Amino acid sequence: MAVKLIVTDIDNTVFDWVTYYVRSFHALLNEVESITGIPYAQLASESRDAFTRHGSIEYPFLIQELPSVDRHYADDFDRMLAEAVDRGRKVFLKTAESLLVPYKGVRETLEEIRRRFPDVPLVALTDAPRYVAMWKLNKLGLLPYFTSVYGLADPRIPTCERNGRVKVDPEILLKHLQQSNFGFKGRIRILPDEYEKPGTRGLKTVLMDHNLDEDPAHRGTVMWIGDNLRKDVGLGERLGVRTAWAKYGVLMDQELYRLLHEFSPVANVHKNASFADGAPDAPQPTYSLEQFADLLKFLI
């Protein structure tokens, strides 16, 4: 059947999230250690706890939420923001410059999809917070190719429990409060946290919004792309849509895996770093992609 809707995951599907994020966050923690003298291992452990509280490994206000950093600066928030937070953020972004890039052929493939199928919606569906997802797509230069972005709720702004002061630089705070869409003209949907994959409600919401949910026969016109067999392919299988497994997004670097474990909750490791699953009960995709460009072979 002719494709009527294309939905794709972002992380480890259109770009190498593991390499980008682990290397950048590792550099951030090293920078905070050099500024404050707080050991890296302690910062990593406290980061893991903070990510657990906030339900996302991409919580952008992490440094000012670490207890050891808070104790180090006491109530001198301005110094904390100017030193640990600002310098840590800049090191993260500097490291990310060469790493936050699309996989080979992704941009060209998205251009070809828009040329061949101008009336077919192209949707990004992610477990990342909406703002973080759109920031990444904008940095990747891929945001204009999409017609819709579906993500989770944006992170809450941290405040001091002692006096209620907002612990964010005013310029950064303004950017978050403005809910920047980066010039995006398409549909933006913020999903409840309980819609996170591998639950089906996020993808089902996409199908409902495009009138492809009621008749099961219509679901064969949907192409869903993701890197995780159990989380992505599995939910597509349960909803009866065509699935394309981005097998090139499977994590192979054991050093990155070790570093990720240092600061990530275990549940987040499995959500954000997929592995080749040879178990006989692993979900089987409709198609397997050696590279993103292979998707074009399966779109008619």
C-alpha atoms as a PDB file:
ATOM      1  CA  MET A   1       0.000   0.000   0.000  1.00  0.00           C
ATOM      2  CA  ALA A   2       1.100   3.540  -0.696  1.00  0.00           C
ATOM      3  CA  VAL A   3       2.554   5.286   2.332  1.00  0.00           C
ATOM      4  CA  LYS A   4       0.295   7.929   3.887  1.00  0.00           C
ATOM      5  CA  LEU A   5       2.311   8.780   6.994  1.00  0.00           C
ATOM      6  CA  ILE A   6       5.986   8.567   7.947  1.00  0.00           C
ATOM      7  CA  VAL A   7       6.892   8.698  11.644  1.00  0.00           C
ATOM      8  CA  THR A   8      10.460   8.550  12.899  1.00  0.00           C
ATOM      9  CA  ASP A   9      12.280   8.446  16.178  1.00  0.00           C
ATOM     10  CA  ILE A  10      15.122  10.981  16.534  1.00  0.00           C
ATOM     11  CA  ASP A  11      17.839   9.768  18.900  1.00  0.00           C
ATOM     12  CA  ASN A  12      20.078   7.065  17.368  1.00  0.00           C
ATOM     13  CA  THR A  13      17.820   7.081  14.305  1.00  0.00           C
ATOM     14  CA  VAL A  14      18.583  10.376  12.569  1.00  0.00           C
ATOM     15  CA  PHE A  15      21.776  11.065  14.565  1.00  0.00           C
ATOM     16  CA  ASP A  16      24.143   9.334  16.993  1.00  0.00           C
ATOM     17  CA  TRP A  17      22.684  10.418  20.320  1.00  0.00           C
ATOM     18  CA  VAL A  18      24.879   8.161  22.469  1.00  0.00           C
ATOM     19  CA  THR A  19      28.179   9.523  21.172  1.00  0.00           C
ATOM     20  CA  TYR A  20      26.955  13.133  21.196  1.00  0.00           C
ATOM     21  CA  TYR A  21      25.425  13.093  24.659  1.00  0.00           C
ATOM     22  CA  VAL A  22      27.813  10.821  26.543  1.00  0.00           C
ATOM     23  CA  ARG A  23      30.935  12.617  25.295  1.00  0.00           C
ATOM     24  CA  SER A  24      29.429  16.068  25.899  1.00  0.00           C
ATOM     25  CA  PHE A  25      28.085  15.274  29.359  1.00  0.00           C
ATOM     26  CA  HIS A  26      31.318  13.561  30.346  1.00  0.00           C
ATOM     27  CA  ALA A  27      33.161  16.771  29.409  1.00  0.00           C
ATOM     28  CA  LEU A  28      30.662  18.818  31.420  1.00  0.00           C
ATOM     29  CA  LEU A  29      31.225  16.782  34.582  1.00  0.00           C
ATOM     30  CA  ASN A  30      34.995  16.996  34.151  1.00  0.00           C
ATOM     31  CA  GLU A  31      34.710  20.774  33.875  1.00  0.00           C
ATOM     32  CA  VAL A  32      32.580  21.039  37.026  1.00  0.00           C
ATOM     33  CA  GLU A  33      35.096  18.852  38.867  1.00  0.00           C
ATOM     34  CA  SER A  34      37.952  21.136  37.811  1.00  0.00           C
ATOM     35  CA  ILE A  35      36.035  24.235  38.970  1.00  0.00           C
ATOM     36  CA  THR A  36      34.715  22.972  42.293  1.00  0.00           C
ATOM     37  CA  GLY A  37      37.056  20.158  43.257  1.00  0.00           C
ATOM     38  CA  ILE A  38      34.083  17.828  43.722  1.00  0.00           C
ATOM     39  CA  PRO A  39      35.122  14.343  42.483  1.00  0.00           C
ATOM     40  CA  TYR A  40      33.737  13.239  39.133  1.00  0.00           C
ATOM     41  CA  ALA A  41      32.335  10.029  40.642  1.00  0.00           C
ATOM     42  CA  GLN A  42      30.272  11.998  43.151  1.00  0.00           C
ATOM     43  CA  LEU A  43      28.961  14.366  40.481  1.00  0.00           C
ATOM     44  CA  ALA A  44      28.049  11.396  38.283  1.00  0.00           C
ATOM     45  CA  SER A  45      26.224   9.636  41.106  1.00  0.00           C
ATOM     46  CA  GLU A  46      24.256  12.750  41.993  1.00  0.00           C
ATOM     47  CA  SER A  47      23.449  13.280  38.301  1.00  0.00           C
ATOM     48  CA  ARG A  48      21.975   9.792  38.169  1.00  0.00           C
ATOM     49  CA  ASP A  49      19.727  10.640  41.124  1.00  0.00           C
ATOM     50  CA  ALA A  50      18.650  13.954  39.566  1.00  0.00           C
ATOM     51  CA  PHE A  51      17.841  12.333  36.219  1.00  0.00           C
ATOM     52  CA  THR A  52      15.741   9.789  38.094  1.00  0.00           C
ATOM     53  CA  ARG A  53      13.785  12.543  39.867  1.00  0.00           C
ATOM     54  CA  HIS A  54      13.125  14.445  36.677  1.00  0.00           C
ATOM     55  CA  GLY A  55      12.396  11.393  34.541  1.00  0.00           C
ATOM     56  CA  SER A  56      14.747  12.474  31.767  1.00  0.00           C
ATOM     57  CA  ILE A  57      18.457  12.118  31.142  1.00  0.00           C
ATOM     58  CA  GLU A  58      18.359  15.364  29.143  1.00  0.00           C
ATOM     59  CA  TYR A  59      17.320  17.614  32.009  1.00  0.00           C
ATOM     60  CA  PRO A  60      19.037  20.922  31.076  1.00  0.00           C
ATOM     61  CA  PHE A  61      19.345  22.421  34.566  1.00  0.00           C
ATOM     62  CA  LEU A  62      21.278  19.525  36.013  1.00  0.00           C
ATOM     63  CA  ILE A  63      24.336  21.255  37.505  1.00  0.00           C
ATOM     64  CA  GLN A  64      22.404  23.542  39.864  1.00  0.00           C
ATOM     65  CA  GLU A  65      20.379  20.531  41.053  1.00  0.00           C
ATOM     66  CA  LEU A  66      23.424  18.601  42.329  1.00  0.00           C
ATOM     67  CA  PRO A  67      23.598  18.633  46.157  1.00  0.00           C
ATOM     68  CA  SER A  68      27.398  18.818  46.285  1.00  0.00           C
ATOM     69  CA  VAL A  69      27.442  21.824  43.947  1.00  0.00           C
ATOM     70  CA  ASP A  70      24.702  23.481  45.993  1.00  0.00           C
ATOM     71  CA  ARG A  71      26.732  22.969  49.191  1.00  0.00           C
ATOM     72  CA  HIS A  72      29.913  24.204  47.536  1.00  0.00           C
ATOM     73  CA  TYR A  73      28.363  27.562  46.653  1.00  0.00           C
ATOM     74  CA  ALA A  74      26.001  27.800  49.669  1.00  0.00           C
ATOM     75  CA  ASP A  75      23.635  30.684  48.807  1.00  0.00           C
ATOM     76  CA  ASP A  76      25.948  32.392  46.330  1.00  0.00           C
ATOM     77  CA  PHE A  77      23.760  31.564  43.322  1.00  0.00           C
ATOM     78  CA  ASP A  78      25.276  34.210  41.095  1.00  0.00           C
ATOM     79  CA  ARG A  79      28.728  32.669  41.504  1.00  0.00           C
ATOM     80  CA  MET A  80      27.320  29.181  40.924  1.00  0.00           C
ATOM     81  CA  LEU A  81      25.620  30.284  37.686  1.00  0.00           C
ATOM     82  CA  ALA A  82      28.688  32.203  36.480  1.00  0.00           C
ATOM     83  CA  GLU A  83      31.164  29.442  37.271  1.00  0.00           C
ATOM     84  CA  ALA A  84      29.938  25.863  37.344  1.00  0.00           C
ATOM     85  CA  VAL A  85      26.701  26.272  35.390  1.00  0.00           C
ATOM     86  CA  ASP A  86      27.818  28.643  32.649  1.00  0.00           C
ATOM     87  CA  ARG A  87      31.237  27.069  32.090  1.00  0.00           C
ATOM     88  CA  GLY A  88      29.840  23.545  32.265  1.00  0.00           C
ATOM     89  CA  ARG A  89      27.143  24.432  29.729  1.00  0.00           C
ATOM     90  CA  LYS A  90      29.686  25.993  27.372  1.00  0.00           C
ATOM     91  CA  VAL A  91      31.965  22.943  27.546  1.00  0.00           C
ATOM     92  CA  PHE A  92      28.984  20.701  26.780  1.00  0.00           C
ATOM     93  CA  LEU A  93      28.055  22.802  23.733  1.00  0.00           C
ATOM     94  CA  LYS A  94      31.659  23.050  22.543  1.00  0.00           C
ATOM     95  CA  THR A  95      32.077  19.276  22.719  1.00  0.00           C
ATOM     96  CA  ALA A  96      28.737  18.790  20.968  1.00  0.00           C
ATOM     97  CA  GLU A  97      29.690  20.980  17.997  1.00  0.00           C
ATOM     98  CA  SER A  98      31.433  18.183  16.122  1.00  0.00           C
ATOM     99  CA  LEU A  99      29.204  15.380  17.428  1.00  0.00           C
ATOM    100  CA  LEU A 100      25.665  16.679  16.978  1.00  0.00           C
ATOM    101  CA  VAL A 101      25.431  15.896  13.259  1.00  0.00           C
ATOM    102  CA  PRO A 102      23.014  13.749  11.244  1.00  0.00           C
ATOM    103  CA  TYR A 103      23.954  10.238  10.243  1.00  0.00           C
ATOM    104  CA  LYS A 104      25.332  10.023   6.727  1.00  0.00           C
ATOM    105  CA  GLY A 105      22.587  10.405   4.145  1.00  0.00           C
ATOM    106  CA  VAL A 106      19.826  11.517   6.531  1.00  0.00           C
ATOM    107  CA  ARG A 107      19.468  15.065   5.218  1.00  0.00           C
ATOM    108  CA  GLU A 108      19.562  13.926   1.594  1.00  0.00           C
ATOM    109  CA  THR A 109      16.998  11.209   2.306  1.00  0.00           C
ATOM    110  CA  LEU A 110      14.610  13.627   4.015  1.00  0.00           C
ATOM    111  CA  GLU A 111      14.969  16.002   1.059  1.00  0.00           C
ATOM    112  CA  GLU A 112      14.112  13.164  -1.327  1.00  0.00           C
ATOM    113  CA  ILE A 113      11.104  12.136   0.766  1.00  0.00           C
ATOM    114  CA  ARG A 114       9.759  15.669   0.677  1.00  0.00           C
ATOM    115  CA  ARG A 115      10.325  15.792  -3.094  1.00  0.00           C
ATOM    116  CA  ARG A 116       8.739  12.419  -3.847  1.00  0.00           C
ATOM    117  CA  PHE A 117       5.946  12.558  -1.299  1.00  0.00           C
ATOM    118  CA  PRO A 118       5.126  16.247  -0.769  1.00  0.00           C
ATOM    119  CA  ASP A 119       1.673  15.482   0.655  1.00  0.00           C
ATOM    120  CA  VAL A 120       2.773  12.746   3.081  1.00  0.00           C
ATOM    121  CA  PRO A 121       3.208  14.014   6.656  1.00  0.00           C
ATOM    122  CA  LEU A 122       6.673  13.452   8.134  1.00  0.00           C
ATOM    123  CA  VAL A 123       6.447  13.271  11.931  1.00  0.00           C
ATOM    124  CA  ALA A 124       9.138  13.211  14.628  1.00  0.00           C
ATOM    125  CA  LEU A 125       8.065  11.217  17.697  1.00  0.00           C
ATOM    126  CA  THR A 126      10.463  11.266  20.636  1.00  0.00           C
ATOM    127  CA  ASP A 127      10.681  10.553  24.355  1.00  0.00           C
ATOM    128  CA  ALA A 128      12.807  13.665  24.822  1.00  0.00           C
ATOM    129  CA  PRO A 129      11.246  16.854  26.215  1.00  0.00           C
ATOM    130  CA  ARG A 130       9.656  18.842  23.398  1.00  0.00           C
ATOM    131  CA  TYR A 131      12.007  21.824  23.688  1.00  0.00           C
ATOM    132  CA  VAL A 132      15.110  19.623  23.847  1.00  0.00           C
ATOM    133  CA  ALA A 133      13.940  17.609  20.819  1.00  0.00           C
ATOM    134  CA  MET A 134      13.313  20.704  18.724  1.00  0.00           C
ATOM    135  CA  TRP A 135      16.629  22.236  19.828  1.00  0.00           C
ATOM    136  CA  LYS A 136      18.436  19.114  18.592  1.00  0.00           C
ATOM    137  CA  LEU A 137      16.531  18.973  15.293  1.00  0.00           C
ATOM    138  CA  ASN A 138      17.255  22.664  14.755  1.00  0.00           C
ATOM    139  CA  LYS A 139      20.969  22.199  15.481  1.00  0.00           C
ATOM    140  CA  LEU A 140      21.002  19.206  13.118  1.00  0.00           C
ATOM    141  CA  GLY A 141      19.450  21.350  10.381  1.00  0.00           C
ATOM    142  CA  LEU A 142      16.596  18.846  10.032  1.00  0.00           C
ATOM    143  CA  LEU A 143      13.655  20.638  11.627  1.00  0.00           C
ATOM    144  CA  PRO A 144      12.276  22.183   8.388  1.00  0.00           C
ATOM    145  CA  TYR A 145      11.771  18.734   6.838  1.00  0.00           C
ATOM    146  CA  PHE A 146       9.186  17.731   9.446  1.00  0.00           C
ATOM    147  CA  THR A 147       5.502  18.539   9.442  1.00  0.00           C
ATOM    148  CA  SER A 148       4.979  17.697  13.134  1.00  0.00           C
ATOM    149  CA  VAL A 149       6.987  17.138  16.306  1.00  0.00           C
ATOM    150  CA  TYR A 150       5.633  15.079  19.220  1.00  0.00           C
ATOM    151  CA  GLY A 151       7.610  15.140  22.479  1.00  0.00           C
ATOM    152  CA  LEU A 152       7.219  14.985  26.244  1.00  0.00           C
ATOM    153  CA  ALA A 153       6.629  17.921  28.568  1.00  0.00           C
ATOM    154  CA  ASP A 154       9.347  20.530  28.903  1.00  0.00           C
ATOM    155  CA  PRO A 155      11.504  20.407  32.071  1.00  0.00           C
ATOM    156  CA  ARG A 156      10.499  22.340  35.147  1.00  0.00           C
ATOM    157  CA  ILE A 157      12.521  25.376  36.176  1.00  0.00           C
ATOM    158  CA  PRO A 158      14.583  24.675  39.350  1.00  0.00           C
ATOM    159  CA  THR A 159      14.116  26.883  42.390  1.00  0.00           C
ATOM    160  CA  CYS A 160      15.919  27.054  45.715  1.00  0.00           C
ATOM    161  CA  GLU A 161      14.031  25.319  48.513  1.00  0.00           C
ATOM    162  CA  ARG A 162      15.420  27.780  51.052  1.00  0.00           C
ATOM    163  CA  ASN A 163      14.260  31.058  49.492  1.00  0.00           C
ATOM    164  CA  GLY A 164      12.344  30.197  46.323  1.00  0.00           C
ATOM    165  CA  ARG A 165      14.838  31.870  43.997  1.00  0.00           C
ATOM    166  CA  VAL A 166      14.960  30.598  40.431  1.00  0.00           C
ATOM    167  CA  LYS A 167      18.336  28.910  39.863  1.00  0.00           C
ATOM    168  CA  VAL A 168      18.688  29.760  36.172  1.00  0.00           C
ATOM    169  CA  ASP A 169      20.521  32.576  34.426  1.00  0.00           C
ATOM    170  CA  PRO A 170      17.933  35.193  33.309  1.00  0.00           C
ATOM    171  CA  GLU A 171      18.917  34.915  29.640  1.00  0.00           C
ATOM    172  CA  ILE A 172      18.599  31.105  29.651  1.00  0.00           C
ATOM    173  CA  LEU A 173      15.379  31.328  31.669  1.00  0.00           C
ATOM    174  CA  LEU A 174      13.845  33.684  29.100  1.00  0.00           C
ATOM    175  CA  LYS A 175      14.606  31.237  26.292  1.00  0.00           C
ATOM    176  CA  HIS A 176      12.787  28.452  28.107  1.00  0.00           C
ATOM    177  CA  LEU A 177       9.844  30.617  29.145  1.00  0.00           C
ATOM    178  CA  GLN A 178       9.401  31.811  25.572  1.00  0.00           C
ATOM    179  CA  GLN A 179       8.861  28.163  24.544  1.00  0.00           C
ATOM    180  CA  SER A 180      10.886  28.716  21.376  1.00  0.00           C
ATOM    181  CA  ASN A 181       9.680  26.863  18.307  1.00  0.00           C
ATOM    182  CA  PHE A 182      12.825  27.779  16.311  1.00  0.00           C
ATOM    183  CA  GLY A 183      10.658  29.145  13.499  1.00  0.00           C
ATOM    184  CA  PHE A 184       8.879  25.808  13.056  1.00  0.00           C
ATOM    185  CA  LYS A 185       5.479  26.205  11.357  1.00  0.00           C
ATOM    186  CA  GLY A 186       4.203  22.653  11.758  1.00  0.00           C
ATOM    187  CA  ARG A 187       2.179  20.934  14.464  1.00  0.00           C
ATOM    188  CA  ILE A 188       3.715  20.610  17.942  1.00  0.00           C
ATOM    189  CA  ARG A 189       2.209  18.158  20.396  1.00  0.00           C
ATOM    190  CA  ILE A 190       3.337  17.788  24.007  1.00  0.00           C
ATOM    191  CA  LEU A 191       2.517  14.322  25.278  1.00  0.00           C
ATOM    192  CA  PRO A 192       2.001  13.235  28.910  1.00  0.00           C
ATOM    193  CA  ASP A 193       4.955  11.431  30.492  1.00  0.00           C
ATOM    194  CA  GLU A 194       2.949   8.208  30.620  1.00  0.00           C
ATOM    195  CA  TYR A 195       2.862   8.219  26.788  1.00  0.00           C
ATOM    196  CA  GLU A 196       6.580   7.463  26.710  1.00  0.00           C
ATOM    197  CA  LYS A 197       7.681   4.468  24.653  1.00  0.00           C
ATOM    198  CA  PRO A 198       7.436   1.481  24.674  1.00  0.00           C
ATOM    199  CA  GLY A 199       3.858   2.343  25.540  1.00  0.00           C
ATOM    200  CA  THR A 200       1.712   2.679  22.435  1.00  0.00           C
ATOM    201  CA  ARG A 201      -0.220   5.826  23.323  1.00  0.00           C
ATOM    202  CA  GLY A 202       2.291   8.277  21.828  1.00  0.00           C
ATOM    203  CA  LEU A 203       2.316   6.642  18.398  1.00  0.00           C
ATOM    204  CA  LYS A 204      -1.406   6.023  18.653  1.00  0.00           C
ATOM    205  CA  THR A 205      -1.927   9.763  19.216  1.00  0.00           C
ATOM    206  CA  VAL A 206      -0.005  10.442  16.001  1.00  0.00           C
ATOM    207  CA  LEU A 207      -2.236   7.978  14.139  1.00  0.00           C
ATOM    208  CA  MET A 208      -5.380   9.554  15.580  1.00  0.00           C
ATOM    209  CA  ASP A 209      -4.248  13.056  14.622  1.00  0.00           C
ATOM    210  CA  HIS A 210      -3.799  11.859  11.026  1.00  0.00           C
ATOM    211  CA  ASN A 211      -7.053   9.870  10.889  1.00  0.00           C
ATOM    212  CA  LEU A 212      -5.268   6.543  10.537  1.00  0.00           C
ATOM    213  CA  ASP A 213      -6.292   4.929  13.791  1.00  0.00           C
ATOM    214  CA  GLU A 214      -9.865   3.706  13.374  1.00  0.00           C
ATOM    215  CA  ASP A 215      -9.504   1.275  10.469  1.00  0.00           C
ATOM    216  CA  PRO A 216      -6.726  -1.301  11.113  1.00  0.00           C
ATOM    217  CA  ALA A 217      -6.298  -1.660   7.341  1.00  0.00           C
ATOM    218  CA  HIS A 218      -5.122   1.952   7.157  1.00  0.00           C
ATOM    219  CA  ARG A 219      -2.238   1.265   9.523  1.00  0.00           C
ATOM    220  CA  GLY A 220      -0.417  -0.580   6.782  1.00  0.00           C
ATOM    221  CA  THR A 221       0.051   2.796   5.116  1.00  0.00           C
ATOM    222  CA  VAL A 222       2.129   4.034   8.086  1.00  0.00           C
ATOM    223  CA  MET A 223       5.926   3.730   8.197  1.00  0.00           C
ATOM    224  CA  TRP A 224       7.471   3.918  11.688  1.00  0.00           C
ATOM    225  CA  ILE A 225      11.285   4.126  12.017  1.00  0.00           C
ATOM    226  CA  GLY A 226      13.287   3.536  15.203  1.00  0.00           C
ATOM    227  CA  ASP A 227      16.534   2.049  16.472  1.00  0.00           C
ATOM    228  CA  ASN A 228      15.337  -0.021  19.428  1.00  0.00           C
ATOM    229  CA  LEU A 229      13.861  -3.437  18.629  1.00  0.00           C
ATOM    230  CA  ARG A 230      11.846  -3.815  21.820  1.00  0.00           C
ATOM    231  CA  LYS A 231      10.938  -0.184  22.440  1.00  0.00           C
ATOM    232  CA  ASP A 232      10.339   1.038  18.882  1.00  0.00           C
ATOM    233  CA  VAL A 233       9.761  -1.980  16.656  1.00  0.00           C
ATOM    234  CA  GLY A 234       7.759  -3.689  19.387  1.00  0.00           C
ATOM    235  CA  LEU A 235       5.242  -0.871  19.770  1.00  0.00           C
ATOM    236  CA  GLY A 236       4.877  -0.528  15.994  1.00  0.00           C
ATOM    237  CA  GLU A 237       4.227  -4.234  15.791  1.00  0.00           C
ATOM    238  CA  ARG A 238       1.506  -3.985  18.453  1.00  0.00           C
ATOM    239  CA  LEU A 239      -0.230  -1.193  16.551  1.00  0.00           C
ATOM    240  CA  GLY A 240      -0.011  -2.961  13.203  1.00  0.00           C
ATOM    241  CA  VAL A 241       2.065  -0.381  11.337  1.00  0.00           C
ATOM    242  CA  ARG A 242       5.032  -1.056   9.078  1.00  0.00           C
ATOM    243  CA  THR A 243       8.307  -0.847  10.994  1.00  0.00           C
ATOM    244  CA  ALA A 244      11.794   0.024   9.810  1.00  0.00           C
ATOM    245  CA  TRP A 245      14.600  -0.858  12.227  1.00  0.00           C
ATOM    246  CA  ALA A 246      17.516   1.582  12.175  1.00  0.00           C
ATOM    247  CA  LYS A 247      20.026  -1.144  12.974  1.00  0.00           C
ATOM    248  CA  TYR A 248      22.919   1.268  12.352  1.00  0.00           C
ATOM    249  CA  GLY A 249      21.867   2.986  15.612  1.00  0.00           C
ATOM    250  CA  VAL A 250      22.775  -0.040  17.715  1.00  0.00           C
ATOM    251  CA  LEU A 251      25.438   0.774  20.319  1.00  0.00           C
ATOM    252  CA  MET A 252      28.771  -0.950  19.687  1.00  0.00           C
ATOM    253  CA  ASP A 253      31.242   1.170  21.690  1.00  0.00           C
ATOM    254  CA  GLN A 254      31.696  -0.422  25.128  1.00  0.00           C
ATOM    255  CA  GLU A 255      33.532   2.625  26.475  1.00  0.00           C
ATOM    256  CA  LEU A 256      30.517   4.825  25.753  1.00  0.00           C
ATOM    257  CA  TYR A 257      28.295   2.227  27.399  1.00  0.00           C
ATOM    258  CA  ARG A 258      30.507   2.291  30.521  1.00  0.00           C
ATOM    259  CA  LEU A 259      30.483   6.102  30.674  1.00  0.00           C
ATOM    260  CA  LEU A 260      26.719   6.224  30.210  1.00  0.00           C
ATOM    261  CA  HIS A 261      26.259   3.853  33.142  1.00  0.00           C
ATOM    262  CA  GLU A 262      28.281   6.208  35.372  1.00  0.00           C
ATOM    263  CA  PHE A 263      25.676   8.971  35.321  1.00  0.00           C
ATOM    264  CA  SER A 264      22.505   7.456  33.860  1.00  0.00           C
ATOM    265  CA  PRO A 265      19.767   5.564  35.702  1.00  0.00           C
ATOM    266  CA  VAL A 266      19.756   1.943  34.544  1.00  0.00           C
ATOM    267  CA  ALA A 267      16.289   2.326  33.030  1.00  0.00           C
ATOM    268  CA  ASN A 268      17.507   5.257  30.956  1.00  0.00           C
ATOM    269  CA  VAL A 269      20.481   3.282  29.676  1.00  0.00           C
ATOM    270  CA  HIS A 270      18.126   0.748  28.137  1.00  0.00           C
ATOM    271  CA  LYS A 271      15.848   3.481  26.787  1.00  0.00           C
ATOM    272  CA  ASN A 272      18.620   5.559  25.227  1.00  0.00           C
ATOM    273  CA  ALA A 273      21.151   2.966  24.067  1.00  0.00           C
ATOM    274  CA  SER A 274      19.785   0.136  21.946  1.00  0.00           C
ATOM    275  CA  PHE A 275      21.522  -3.151  21.327  1.00  0.00           C
ATOM    276  CA  ALA A 276      21.218  -5.900  18.744  1.00  0.00           C
ATOM    277  CA  ASP A 277      18.786  -8.340  20.305  1.00  0.00           C
ATOM    278  CA  GLY A 278      19.288 -11.916  19.186  1.00  0.00           C
ATOM    279  CA  ALA A 279      16.648 -13.329  21.512  1.00  0.00           C
ATOM    280  CA  PRO A 280      14.085 -15.474  19.676  1.00  0.00           C
ATOM    281  CA  ASP A 281      11.229 -13.448  21.150  1.00  0.00           C
ATOM    282  CA  ALA A 282      12.626 -10.075  20.007  1.00  0.00           C
ATOM    283  CA  PRO A 283      10.195  -8.109  17.815  1.00  0.00           C
ATOM    284  CA  GLN A 284      10.946  -8.453  14.117  1.00  0.00           C
ATOM    285  CA  PRO A 285      10.760  -5.346  11.915  1.00  0.00           C
ATOM    286  CA  THR A 286       9.081  -5.200   8.555  1.00  0.00           C
ATOM    287  CA  TYR A 287      12.324  -3.791   7.153  1.00  0.00           C
ATOM    288  CA  SER A 288      15.895  -3.441   8.393  1.00  0.00           C
ATOM    289  CA  LEU A 289      17.938  -0.370   7.504  1.00  0.00           C
ATOM    290  CA  GLU A 290      21.707  -0.586   7.153  1.00  0.00           C
ATOM    291  CA  GLN A 291      21.637   3.175   6.680  1.00  0.00           C
ATOM    292  CA  PHE A 292      18.851   5.744   6.803  1.00  0.00           C
ATOM    293  CA  ALA A 293      18.848   6.103   3.016  1.00  0.00           C
ATOM    294  CA  ASP A 294      17.640   2.494   2.725  1.00  0.00           C
ATOM    295  CA  LEU A 295      14.242   3.802   3.769  1.00  0.00           C
ATOM    296  CA  LEU A 296      13.661   5.057   0.234  1.00  0.00           C
ATOM    297  CA  LYS A 297      13.610   1.474  -1.058  1.00  0.00           C
ATOM    298  CA  PHE A 298      10.553   0.690   1.043  1.00  0.00           C
ATOM    299  CA  LEU A 299       8.433   3.760   0.356  1.00  0.00           C
ATOM    300  CA  ILE A 300       5.974   3.467  -2.514  1.00  0.00           C
END
